[in-house]
C-alpha cells in the first residue's frame, strides 16, 4: 500500500478516536441528572431492538409473521431462554442451535 493509503487510514483512526474520547472527557466532569442517567440506561436496549426487530419480523421489507419465517421461529425459544436465564451464553446457544435446526429441517 502506498503512503497515501496509510495516511488516510491513520487520519480516519485519529478522528475516530477523537470522536469517541471527546464526549467521555467532557461528560466525565459534568454531573448528569438522575432522570437523564436513567433515560440513557435504556438507550442500548432500544438500539439493539431497533437493529434486531427488522430481521425477525420482516422478510424482503414486508411483514412476515408466518411459520415460514425462520428468524421469527428461532427468536421465540431464544427470547424465552433470555428472559428465564438472563444468560448471554445460553441465549446465544439456543439462538444458534434453533437456526441450525430450522435450516437443516427445511
C-alpha atoms as a PDB file:
ATOM      1  CA  UNK A   1       0.000   0.000   0.000  1.00  0.00           C
ATOM      2  CA  UNK A   2       1.121   3.490  -0.735  1.00  0.00           C
ATOM      3  CA  UNK A   3       1.849   6.286   1.687  1.00  0.00           C
ATOM      4  CA  UNK A   4      -1.439   7.978   0.793  1.00  0.00           C
ATOM      5  CA  UNK A   5      -3.461   4.948   1.853  1.00  0.00           C
ATOM      6  CA  UNK A   6      -1.616   4.716   5.168  1.00  0.00           C
ATOM      7  CA  UNK A   7      -2.111   8.446   5.749  1.00  0.00           C
ATOM      8  CA  UNK A   8      -5.848   8.043   5.132  1.00  0.00           C
ATOM      9  CA  UNK A   9      -6.074   5.039   7.470  1.00  0.00           C
ATOM     10  CA  UNK A  10      -4.179   6.837  10.241  1.00  0.00           C
ATOM     11  CA  UNK A  11      -6.208  10.026   9.751  1.00  0.00           C
ATOM     12  CA  UNK A  12      -9.505   8.139  10.000  1.00  0.00           C
ATOM     13  CA  UNK A  13      -8.256   6.257  13.056  1.00  0.00           C
ATOM     14  CA  UNK A  14      -7.254   9.510  14.755  1.00  0.00           C
ATOM     15  CA  UNK A  15     -10.622  11.134  14.006  1.00  0.00           C
ATOM     16  CA  UNK A  16     -12.464   8.045  15.196  1.00  0.00           C
ATOM     17  CA  UNK A  17     -10.524   8.088  18.448  1.00  0.00           C
ATOM     18  CA  UNK A  18     -11.115  11.834  18.848  1.00  0.00           C
ATOM     19  CA  UNK A  19     -14.879  11.492  18.330  1.00  0.00           C
ATOM     20  CA  UNK A  20     -15.075   8.683  20.887  1.00  0.00           C
ATOM     21  CA  UNK A  21     -12.877  10.217  23.578  1.00  0.00           C
ATOM     22  CA  UNK A  22     -14.129  13.817  23.465  1.00  0.00           C
ATOM     23  CA  UNK A  23     -17.603  13.081  24.907  1.00  0.00           C
ATOM     24  CA  UNK A  24     -16.046  10.939  27.621  1.00  0.00           C
ATOM     25  CA  UNK A  25     -13.699  13.715  28.645  1.00  0.00           C
ATOM     26  CA  UNK A  26     -16.410  16.371  28.571  1.00  0.00           C
ATOM     27  CA  UNK A  27     -19.121  14.351  30.296  1.00  0.00           C
ATOM     28  CA  UNK A  28     -16.818  12.986  32.998  1.00  0.00           C
ATOM     29  CA  UNK A  29     -16.740  16.448  34.575  1.00  0.00           C
ATOM     30  CA  UNK A  30     -20.477  17.069  34.345  1.00  0.00           C
ATOM     31  CA  UNK A  31     -22.953  15.637  36.806  1.00  0.00           C
ATOM     32  CA  UNK A  32     -25.835  14.156  34.830  1.00  0.00           C
ATOM     33  CA  UNK A  33     -29.255  14.482  36.480  1.00  0.00           C
ATOM     34  CA  UNK A  34     -30.665  11.145  37.712  1.00  0.00           C
ATOM     35  CA  UNK A  35     -33.577  11.296  35.265  1.00  0.00           C
ATOM     36  CA  UNK A  36     -31.193  11.646  32.303  1.00  0.00           C
ATOM     37  CA  UNK A  37     -28.979   8.862  33.612  1.00  0.00           C
ATOM     38  CA  UNK A  38     -31.990   6.579  33.934  1.00  0.00           C
ATOM     39  CA  UNK A  39     -33.157   7.510  30.455  1.00  0.00           C
ATOM     40  CA  UNK A  40     -29.687   6.875  28.972  1.00  0.00           C
ATOM     41  CA  UNK A  41     -29.712   3.428  30.576  1.00  0.00           C
ATOM     42  CA  UNK A  42     -32.446   2.393  28.137  1.00  0.00           C
ATOM     43  CA  UNK A  43     -30.575   3.502  25.019  1.00  0.00           C
ATOM     44  CA  UNK A  44     -28.528   0.290  24.459  1.00  0.00           C
ATOM     45  CA  UNK A  45     -31.624  -1.932  24.671  1.00  0.00           C
ATOM     46  CA  UNK A  46     -33.548   0.380  22.343  1.00  0.00           C
ATOM     47  CA  UNK A  47     -30.741   0.406  19.784  1.00  0.00           C
ATOM     48  CA  UNK A  48     -30.406  -3.380  19.924  1.00  0.00           C
ATOM     49  CA  UNK A  49     -34.159  -3.805  19.485  1.00  0.00           C
ATOM     50  CA  UNK A  50     -34.134  -1.413  16.521  1.00  0.00           C
ATOM     51  CA  UNK A  51     -31.377  -3.447  14.875  1.00  0.00           C
ATOM     52  CA  UNK A  52     -32.817  -6.901  15.586  1.00  0.00           C
ATOM     53  CA  UNK A  53     -36.572  -6.380  15.110  1.00  0.00           C
ATOM     54  CA  UNK A  54     -36.497  -5.882  11.321  1.00  0.00           C
ATOM     55  CA  UNK A  55     -34.501  -9.101  10.916  1.00  0.00           C
ATOM     56  CA  UNK A  56     -37.037 -11.032  12.965  1.00  0.00           C
ATOM     57  CA  UNK A  57     -40.343  -9.578  11.783  1.00  0.00           C
ATOM     58  CA  UNK A  58     -39.649  -8.602   8.167  1.00  0.00           C
ATOM     59  CA  UNK A  59     -38.770 -10.590   5.052  1.00  0.00           C
ATOM     60  CA  UNK A  60     -37.930  -8.598   1.955  1.00  0.00           C
ATOM     61  CA  UNK A  61     -39.120  -5.415   3.644  1.00  0.00           C
ATOM     62  CA  UNK A  62     -42.609  -6.794   4.238  1.00  0.00           C
ATOM     63  CA  UNK A  63     -44.115  -8.127   7.475  1.00  0.00           C
ATOM     64  CA  UNK A  64     -43.568 -11.890   7.759  1.00  0.00           C
ATOM     65  CA  UNK A  65     -45.487 -13.184  10.771  1.00  0.00           C
ATOM     66  CA  UNK A  66     -45.842 -16.698   9.395  1.00  0.00           C
ATOM     67  CA  UNK A  67     -44.494 -20.139  10.223  1.00  0.00           C
ATOM     68  CA  UNK A  68     -42.186 -19.901   7.194  1.00  0.00           C
ATOM     69  CA  UNK A  69     -40.197 -17.094   8.842  1.00  0.00           C
ATOM     70  CA  UNK A  70     -37.225 -18.989  10.296  1.00  0.00           C
ATOM     71  CA  UNK A  71     -35.875 -15.913  12.069  1.00  0.00           C
ATOM     72  CA  UNK A  72     -39.140 -15.463  13.938  1.00  0.00           C
ATOM     73  CA  UNK A  73     -39.356 -19.155  14.838  1.00  0.00           C
ATOM     74  CA  UNK A  74     -35.776 -19.140  16.147  1.00  0.00           C
ATOM     75  CA  UNK A  75     -36.396 -15.923  18.082  1.00  0.00           C
ATOM     76  CA  UNK A  76     -39.224 -17.421  20.151  1.00  0.00           C
ATOM     77  CA  UNK A  77     -37.194 -20.009  22.132  1.00  0.00           C
ATOM     78  CA  UNK A  78     -34.234 -17.632  22.197  1.00  0.00           C
ATOM     79  CA  UNK A  79     -36.346 -14.913  23.805  1.00  0.00           C
ATOM     80  CA  UNK A  80     -37.826 -17.334  26.332  1.00  0.00           C
ATOM     81  CA  UNK A  81     -34.372 -18.570  27.365  1.00  0.00           C
ATOM     82  CA  UNK A  82     -33.094 -14.994  27.619  1.00  0.00           C
ATOM     83  CA  UNK A  83     -35.972 -13.995  29.900  1.00  0.00           C
ATOM     84  CA  UNK A  84     -35.768 -17.145  32.019  1.00  0.00           C
ATOM     85  CA  UNK A  85     -31.989 -17.469  32.466  1.00  0.00           C
ATOM     86  CA  UNK A  86     -30.674 -13.951  31.770  1.00  0.00           C
ATOM     87  CA  UNK A  87     -27.570 -15.714  30.491  1.00  0.00           C
ATOM     88  CA  UNK A  88     -25.976 -14.402  27.324  1.00  0.00           C
ATOM     89  CA  UNK A  89     -24.184 -17.717  26.732  1.00  0.00           C
ATOM     90  CA  UNK A  90     -27.343 -19.856  26.939  1.00  0.00           C
ATOM     91  CA  UNK A  91     -29.291 -17.340  24.891  1.00  0.00           C
ATOM     92  CA  UNK A  92     -26.690 -17.411  22.119  1.00  0.00           C
ATOM     93  CA  UNK A  93     -26.509 -21.194  22.198  1.00  0.00           C
ATOM     94  CA  UNK A  94     -30.284 -21.556  21.919  1.00  0.00           C
ATOM     95  CA  UNK A  95     -30.476 -18.970  19.125  1.00  0.00           C
ATOM     96  CA  UNK A  96     -27.697 -20.532  17.062  1.00  0.00           C
ATOM     97  CA  UNK A  97     -28.995 -24.062  17.667  1.00  0.00           C
ATOM     98  CA  UNK A  98     -32.517 -23.007  16.690  1.00  0.00           C
ATOM     99  CA  UNK A  99     -31.314 -21.511  13.423  1.00  0.00           C
ATOM    100  CA  UNK A 100     -29.176 -24.570  12.635  1.00  0.00           C
ATOM    101  CA  UNK A 101     -32.117 -26.905  13.266  1.00  0.00           C
ATOM    102  CA  UNK A 102     -34.575 -24.789  11.290  1.00  0.00           C
ATOM    103  CA  UNK A 103     -32.177 -24.567   8.332  1.00  0.00           C
ATOM    104  CA  UNK A 104     -31.490 -28.312   8.486  1.00  0.00           C
ATOM    105  CA  UNK A 105     -35.201 -29.149   8.548  1.00  0.00           C
ATOM    106  CA  UNK A 106     -36.032 -27.092   5.518  1.00  0.00           C
END
